[in-house]
Amino acid sequence: MSENTRKYLETSQIIPSKGMSYTMYEIEGQDTILRMLTFIPDNDEIHIYPKPPVKKLYKPELCKKVEENEFLGLWSMGEERKAGN
């Protein structure tokens, strides 16, 4: 049985004066973070981290699952914005 070892998880928190912040993780195996991004919809901010400062996700069971295409869509928007600066 072959299984895709990548999964996409999300945590969220309120940032005063900015609104909700969503941090999404591209995970390999149980808890190894490959890439991560932060999205703040109210401010239309996307920050991408191709080399995340944290390599292991703490308590992945507390995260919400997100679709791969949602992560990849935000990631490419973040890359485009970075290239435009």
C-alpha atoms as a PDB file:
ATOM      1  CA  MET A   1       0.000   0.000   0.000  1.00  0.00           C
ATOM      2  CA  SER A   2       1.679   3.223  -1.117  1.00  0.00           C
ATOM      3  CA  GLU A   3       0.737   6.324   0.804  1.00  0.00           C
ATOM      4  CA  ASN A   4       1.578   9.973   0.264  1.00  0.00           C
ATOM      5  CA  THR A   5       3.718  10.850   3.269  1.00  0.00           C
ATOM      6  CA  ARG A   6       3.060  14.593   2.940  1.00  0.00           C
ATOM      7  CA  LYS A   7       0.226  16.257   4.723  1.00  0.00           C
ATOM      8  CA  TYR A   8      -0.863  19.827   5.246  1.00  0.00           C
ATOM      9  CA  LEU A   9      -1.824  21.186   8.641  1.00  0.00           C
ATOM     10  CA  GLU A  10      -2.893  24.549   9.990  1.00  0.00           C
ATOM     11  CA  THR A  11      -2.913  26.442  13.252  1.00  0.00           C
ATOM     12  CA  SER A  12      -4.599  29.782  13.834  1.00  0.00           C
ATOM     13  CA  GLN A  13      -4.363  32.601  16.330  1.00  0.00           C
ATOM     14  CA  ILE A  14      -5.570  36.164  16.696  1.00  0.00           C
ATOM     15  CA  ILE A  15      -2.984  38.895  16.186  1.00  0.00           C
ATOM     16  CA  PRO A  16      -4.064  42.193  17.784  1.00  0.00           C
ATOM     17  CA  SER A  17      -4.749  44.903  15.187  1.00  0.00           C
ATOM     18  CA  LYS A  18      -4.255  42.428  12.305  1.00  0.00           C
ATOM     19  CA  GLY A  19      -6.995  39.818  12.777  1.00  0.00           C
ATOM     20  CA  MET A  20      -6.741  36.067  12.413  1.00  0.00           C
ATOM     21  CA  SER A  21      -3.409  34.590  11.406  1.00  0.00           C
ATOM     22  CA  TYR A  22      -3.237  31.126   9.861  1.00  0.00           C
ATOM     23  CA  THR A  23       0.041  29.217   9.828  1.00  0.00           C
ATOM     24  CA  MET A  24       0.119  26.274   7.429  1.00  0.00           C
ATOM     25  CA  TYR A  25       2.698  23.524   7.423  1.00  0.00           C
ATOM     26  CA  GLU A  26       3.800  21.051   4.759  1.00  0.00           C
ATOM     27  CA  ILE A  27       4.598  17.955   6.823  1.00  0.00           C
ATOM     28  CA  GLU A  28       6.474  14.821   5.872  1.00  0.00           C
ATOM     29  CA  GLY A  29       6.079  11.713   8.014  1.00  0.00           C
ATOM     30  CA  GLN A  30       4.699  12.347  11.497  1.00  0.00           C
ATOM     31  CA  ASP A  31       5.928  15.845  12.291  1.00  0.00           C
ATOM     32  CA  THR A  32       8.817  16.977  10.041  1.00  0.00           C
ATOM     33  CA  ILE A  33       8.144  20.477   8.675  1.00  0.00           C
ATOM     34  CA  LEU A  34       9.302  20.881   5.060  1.00  0.00           C
ATOM     35  CA  ARG A  35       7.843  24.345   4.408  1.00  0.00           C
ATOM     36  CA  MET A  36       5.537  26.710   6.251  1.00  0.00           C
ATOM     37  CA  LEU A  37       3.632  29.883   5.533  1.00  0.00           C
ATOM     38  CA  THR A  38       1.637  32.456   7.445  1.00  0.00           C
ATOM     39  CA  PHE A  39      -1.496  34.020   5.971  1.00  0.00           C
ATOM     40  CA  ILE A  40      -3.348  37.012   7.446  1.00  0.00           C
ATOM     41  CA  PRO A  41      -6.441  37.466   5.240  1.00  0.00           C
ATOM     42  CA  ASP A  42      -7.639  40.751   6.812  1.00  0.00           C
ATOM     43  CA  ASN A  43      -4.323  42.414   5.888  1.00  0.00           C
ATOM     44  CA  ASP A  44      -3.793  40.337   2.739  1.00  0.00           C
ATOM     45  CA  GLU A  45      -0.373  39.265   4.055  1.00  0.00           C
ATOM     46  CA  ILE A  46       1.417  36.060   3.089  1.00  0.00           C
ATOM     47  CA  HIS A  47       4.836  35.145   4.482  1.00  0.00           C
ATOM     48  CA  ILE A  48       6.533  32.019   3.138  1.00  0.00           C
ATOM     49  CA  TYR A  49       9.305  30.076   4.842  1.00  0.00           C
ATOM     50  CA  PRO A  50      11.065  27.708   2.405  1.00  0.00           C
ATOM     51  CA  LYS A  51      13.565  26.893   5.182  1.00  0.00           C
ATOM     52  CA  PRO A  52      11.371  26.974   8.282  1.00  0.00           C
ATOM     53  CA  PRO A  53      13.010  28.033  11.548  1.00  0.00           C
ATOM     54  CA  VAL A  54      11.315  25.074  13.257  1.00  0.00           C
ATOM     55  CA  LYS A  55      11.858  21.563  11.874  1.00  0.00           C
ATOM     56  CA  LYS A  56       9.458  19.534  14.031  1.00  0.00           C
ATOM     57  CA  LEU A  57       5.787  20.328  14.545  1.00  0.00           C
ATOM     58  CA  TYR A  58       4.790  20.255  18.188  1.00  0.00           C
ATOM     59  CA  LYS A  59       1.515  18.388  18.793  1.00  0.00           C
ATOM     60  CA  PRO A  60       0.436  17.879  15.145  1.00  0.00           C
ATOM     61  CA  GLU A  61      -2.716  16.168  16.452  1.00  0.00           C
ATOM     62  CA  LEU A  62      -3.980  19.594  17.597  1.00  0.00           C
ATOM     63  CA  CYS A  63      -3.738  21.065  14.095  1.00  0.00           C
ATOM     64  CA  LYS A  64      -6.508  21.295  11.539  1.00  0.00           C
ATOM     65  CA  LYS A  65      -5.994  19.459   8.234  1.00  0.00           C
ATOM     66  CA  VAL A  66      -5.991  21.577   5.074  1.00  0.00           C
ATOM     67  CA  GLU A  67      -6.036  20.596   1.420  1.00  0.00           C
ATOM     68  CA  GLU A  68      -2.771  20.426  -0.488  1.00  0.00           C
ATOM     69  CA  ASN A  69      -4.092  22.805  -3.163  1.00  0.00           C
ATOM     70  CA  GLU A  70      -4.944  25.444  -0.528  1.00  0.00           C
ATOM     71  CA  PHE A  71      -1.358  25.373   0.790  1.00  0.00           C
ATOM     72  CA  LEU A  72       0.182  25.336  -2.698  1.00  0.00           C
ATOM     73  CA  GLY A  73      -2.066  28.188  -3.907  1.00  0.00           C
ATOM     74  CA  LEU A  74      -1.058  30.450  -1.028  1.00  0.00           C
ATOM     75  CA  TRP A  75       2.582  29.386  -1.419  1.00  0.00           C
ATOM     76  CA  SER A  76       2.676  30.441  -5.079  1.00  0.00           C
ATOM     77  CA  MET A  77       0.969  33.757  -4.243  1.00  0.00           C
ATOM     78  CA  GLY A  78       3.656  34.317  -1.600  1.00  0.00           C
ATOM     79  CA  GLU A  79       6.427  33.517  -4.098  1.00  0.00           C
ATOM     80  CA  GLU A  80       4.939  35.899  -6.686  1.00  0.00           C
ATOM     81  CA  ARG A  81       4.731  38.726  -4.148  1.00  0.00           C
ATOM     82  CA  LYS A  82       8.289  38.091  -2.982  1.00  0.00           C
ATOM     83  CA  ALA A  83       9.533  38.189  -6.586  1.00  0.00           C
ATOM     84  CA  GLY A  84       7.651  41.456  -7.164  1.00  0.00           C
ATOM     85  CA  ASN A  85       9.467  43.248  -4.322  1.00  0.00           C
END
